Amino acid sequence: MVEADQPGKLFIGGLHADTNENSLEVVFGKYGHIMEVILMKDRVTNKSRRFAFITFENSADAKDAAKDMNGKSLDGKAIKVERANKPSFESGNGRRRNGRGGNGRRGNGRGGNGR
């Protein structure tokens, strides 16, 4: 499996429900050699989740594809194309390790804001 933080890996979002791996490979293949196309699908229905990941062999090709294709129309839908980033489940969600978010104060039992 290819890691999400590879420089040649792109996220493609906003896809039409009928867009498939082959059409993605045709459209993006003009930018360079593609190593992998993954169209994300629902586990139960097997329908497209309307986003995909494409990994180019060369990171410069991926950069060119992202620059040229971001905001362009594919199968009648404007798509978002950007470098794929490794998901960060712990950063930016406002939670501490103890599972409490916000300022860490506990309520006073009166239904108020804990002051």
C-alpha atoms as a PDB file:
ATOM      1  CA  MET A   1       0.000   0.000   0.000  1.00  0.00           C
ATOM      2  CA  VAL A   2       1.244   3.456  -0.834  1.00  0.00           C
ATOM      3  CA  GLU A   3       1.518   5.905   2.071  1.00  0.00           C
ATOM      4  CA  ALA A   4      -0.556   9.090   1.977  1.00  0.00           C
ATOM      5  CA  ASP A   5       2.420  11.354   2.615  1.00  0.00           C
ATOM      6  CA  GLN A   6       4.225  10.428  -0.613  1.00  0.00           C
ATOM      7  CA  PRO A   7       4.955  13.534  -2.673  1.00  0.00           C
ATOM      8  CA  GLY A   8       3.483  11.974  -5.824  1.00  0.00           C
ATOM      9  CA  LYS A   9       0.110  11.171  -4.283  1.00  0.00           C
ATOM     10  CA  LEU A  10      -2.888  13.396  -5.023  1.00  0.00           C
ATOM     11  CA  PHE A  11      -6.338  13.714  -3.490  1.00  0.00           C
ATOM     12  CA  ILE A  12      -9.132  14.251  -6.028  1.00  0.00           C
ATOM     13  CA  GLY A  13     -12.455  15.359  -4.522  1.00  0.00           C
ATOM     14  CA  GLY A  14     -15.859  16.400  -5.790  1.00  0.00           C
ATOM     15  CA  LEU A  15     -16.082  13.621  -8.346  1.00  0.00           C
ATOM     16  CA  HIS A  16     -19.258  12.739 -10.207  1.00  0.00           C
ATOM     17  CA  ALA A  17     -20.875   9.527  -8.969  1.00  0.00           C
ATOM     18  CA  ASP A  18     -20.242   7.886 -12.365  1.00  0.00           C
ATOM     19  CA  THR A  19     -16.533   8.759 -12.576  1.00  0.00           C
ATOM     20  CA  ASN A  20     -14.478   5.570 -12.444  1.00  0.00           C
ATOM     21  CA  GLU A  21     -10.826   4.522 -12.138  1.00  0.00           C
ATOM     22  CA  ASN A  22     -10.398   4.223 -15.906  1.00  0.00           C
ATOM     23  CA  SER A  23     -11.613   7.751 -16.631  1.00  0.00           C
ATOM     24  CA  LEU A  24      -9.336   9.123 -13.906  1.00  0.00           C
ATOM     25  CA  GLU A  25      -6.375   7.276 -15.378  1.00  0.00           C
ATOM     26  CA  VAL A  26      -7.126   8.604 -18.875  1.00  0.00           C
ATOM     27  CA  VAL A  27      -7.490  12.214 -17.731  1.00  0.00           C
ATOM     28  CA  PHE A  28      -4.555  12.297 -15.312  1.00  0.00           C
ATOM     29  CA  GLY A  29      -2.320   9.940 -17.315  1.00  0.00           C
ATOM     30  CA  LYS A  30      -1.401  12.755 -19.699  1.00  0.00           C
ATOM     31  CA  TYR A  31       0.682  14.299 -16.892  1.00  0.00           C
ATOM     32  CA  GLY A  32       2.918  11.274 -16.378  1.00  0.00           C
ATOM     33  CA  HIS A  33       3.150   7.639 -15.365  1.00  0.00           C
ATOM     34  CA  ILE A  34       0.496   6.670 -12.815  1.00  0.00           C
ATOM     35  CA  MET A  35       1.378   3.975 -10.314  1.00  0.00           C
ATOM     36  CA  GLU A  36      -2.014   3.667  -8.610  1.00  0.00           C
ATOM     37  CA  VAL A  37      -5.598   4.927  -8.830  1.00  0.00           C
ATOM     38  CA  ILE A  38      -7.877   4.332  -5.837  1.00  0.00           C
ATOM     39  CA  LEU A  39     -11.514   5.373  -6.109  1.00  0.00           C
ATOM     40  CA  MET A  40     -13.029   5.272  -2.640  1.00  0.00           C
ATOM     41  CA  LYS A  41     -16.270   3.288  -2.445  1.00  0.00           C
ATOM     42  CA  ASP A  42     -18.872   2.635   0.207  1.00  0.00           C
ATOM     43  CA  ARG A  43     -18.319  -0.770   1.801  1.00  0.00           C
ATOM     44  CA  VAL A  44     -21.997  -1.687   1.806  1.00  0.00           C
ATOM     45  CA  THR A  45     -23.341  -0.259  -1.454  1.00  0.00           C
ATOM     46  CA  ASN A  46     -20.066  -0.270  -3.426  1.00  0.00           C
ATOM     47  CA  LYS A  47     -21.046   3.179  -4.767  1.00  0.00           C
ATOM     48  CA  SER A  48     -18.441   5.879  -5.217  1.00  0.00           C
ATOM     49  CA  ARG A  49     -17.755   8.106  -2.224  1.00  0.00           C
ATOM     50  CA  ARG A  50     -16.855  10.745  -4.857  1.00  0.00           C
ATOM     51  CA  PHE A  51     -13.171  11.077  -4.061  1.00  0.00           C
ATOM     52  CA  ALA A  52     -10.036   9.282  -5.136  1.00  0.00           C
ATOM     53  CA  PHE A  53      -6.279   9.089  -4.710  1.00  0.00           C
ATOM     54  CA  ILE A  54      -3.874   8.989  -7.636  1.00  0.00           C
ATOM     55  CA  THR A  55      -0.193   8.229  -7.173  1.00  0.00           C
ATOM     56  CA  PHE A  56       2.279   9.353  -9.806  1.00  0.00           C
ATOM     57  CA  GLU A  57       5.710   7.831 -10.158  1.00  0.00           C
ATOM     58  CA  ASN A  58       7.225  11.318 -10.362  1.00  0.00           C
ATOM     59  CA  SER A  59       6.276  14.003  -7.830  1.00  0.00           C
ATOM     60  CA  ALA A  60       6.807  16.770 -10.419  1.00  0.00           C
ATOM     61  CA  ASP A  61       4.124  15.154 -12.605  1.00  0.00           C
ATOM     62  CA  ALA A  62       1.750  15.126  -9.633  1.00  0.00           C
ATOM     63  CA  LYS A  63       2.465  18.786  -8.985  1.00  0.00           C
ATOM     64  CA  ASP A  64       1.724  19.660 -12.624  1.00  0.00           C
ATOM     65  CA  ALA A  65      -1.501  17.647 -12.577  1.00  0.00           C
ATOM     66  CA  ALA A  66      -2.676  19.327  -9.364  1.00  0.00           C
ATOM     67  CA  LYS A  67      -1.879  22.774 -10.731  1.00  0.00           C
ATOM     68  CA  ASP A  68      -3.647  22.181 -14.052  1.00  0.00           C
ATOM     69  CA  MET A  69      -6.639  20.107 -12.917  1.00  0.00           C
ATOM     70  CA  ASN A  70      -7.683  21.786  -9.662  1.00  0.00           C
ATOM     71  CA  GLY A  71     -11.066  23.436 -10.232  1.00  0.00           C
ATOM     72  CA  LYS A  72     -11.486  21.927 -13.696  1.00  0.00           C
ATOM     73  CA  SER A  73     -14.588  20.049 -14.778  1.00  0.00           C
ATOM     74  CA  LEU A  74     -14.535  16.252 -14.965  1.00  0.00           C
ATOM     75  CA  ASP A  75     -17.715  14.454 -15.994  1.00  0.00           C
ATOM     76  CA  GLY A  76     -19.638  17.697 -15.431  1.00  0.00           C
ATOM     77  CA  LYS A  77     -18.365  18.362 -11.887  1.00  0.00           C
ATOM     78  CA  ALA A  78     -15.706  20.823 -10.736  1.00  0.00           C
ATOM     79  CA  ILE A  79     -13.036  18.787  -8.965  1.00  0.00           C
ATOM     80  CA  LYS A  80     -10.584  19.603  -6.209  1.00  0.00           C
ATOM     81  CA  VAL A  81      -7.059  18.331  -6.755  1.00  0.00           C
ATOM     82  CA  GLU A  82      -4.327  18.689  -4.146  1.00  0.00           C
ATOM     83  CA  ARG A  83      -1.388  16.841  -2.649  1.00  0.00           C
ATOM     84  CA  ALA A  84      -2.617  14.058  -0.382  1.00  0.00           C
ATOM     85  CA  ASN A  85      -1.664  14.423   3.260  1.00  0.00           C
ATOM     86  CA  LYS A  86      -1.467  11.787   5.915  1.00  0.00           C
ATOM     87  CA  PRO A  87      -4.591  12.059   8.085  1.00  0.00           C
ATOM     88  CA  SER A  88      -3.934  13.588  11.494  1.00  0.00           C
ATOM     89  CA  PHE A  89      -6.527  12.282  13.900  1.00  0.00           C
ATOM     90  CA  GLU A  90      -5.036  13.941  16.986  1.00  0.00           C
ATOM     91  CA  SER A  91      -4.169  17.426  15.778  1.00  0.00           C
ATOM     92  CA  GLY A  92      -6.593  20.293  15.451  1.00  0.00           C
ATOM     93  CA  ASN A  93      -9.622  18.640  16.997  1.00  0.00           C
ATOM     94  CA  GLY A  94      -9.559  20.596  20.259  1.00  0.00           C
ATOM     95  CA  ARG A  95      -9.412  17.482  22.431  1.00  0.00           C
ATOM     96  CA  ARG A  96      -6.937  16.563  25.080  1.00  0.00           C
ATOM     97  CA  ARG A  97      -5.693  13.089  25.821  1.00  0.00           C
ATOM     98  CA  ASN A  98      -8.301  12.715  28.551  1.00  0.00           C
ATOM     99  CA  GLY A  99     -11.043  13.068  25.921  1.00  0.00           C
ATOM    100  CA  ARG A 100     -12.327  16.447  27.141  1.00  0.00           C
ATOM    101  CA  GLY A 101     -12.310  19.356  24.784  1.00  0.00           C
ATOM    102  CA  GLY A 102     -12.544  23.055  25.406  1.00  0.00           C
ATOM    103  CA  ASN A 103     -10.822  24.537  28.431  1.00  0.00           C
ATOM    104  CA  GLY A 104     -10.777  21.346  30.515  1.00  0.00           C
ATOM    105  CA  ARG A 105     -13.120  22.668  33.231  1.00  0.00           C
ATOM    106  CA  ARG A 106     -15.800  20.453  34.618  1.00  0.00           C
ATOM    107  CA  GLY A 107     -19.342  21.556  35.170  1.00  0.00           C
ATOM    108  CA  ASN A 108     -20.656  22.421  38.629  1.00  0.00           C
ATOM    109  CA  GLY A 109     -23.709  20.231  38.363  1.00  0.00           C
ATOM    110  CA  ARG A 110     -26.087  23.171  37.883  1.00  0.00           C
ATOM    111  CA  GLY A 111     -26.275  22.962  34.088  1.00  0.00           C
ATOM    112  CA  GLY A 112     -24.294  26.175  33.756  1.00  0.00           C
ATOM    113  CA  ASN A 113     -20.904  26.806  32.301  1.00  0.00           C
ATOM    114  CA  GLY A 114     -18.999  25.515  35.298  1.00  0.00           C
ATOM    115  CA  ARG A 115     -18.119  28.854  36.883  1.00  0.00           C
END
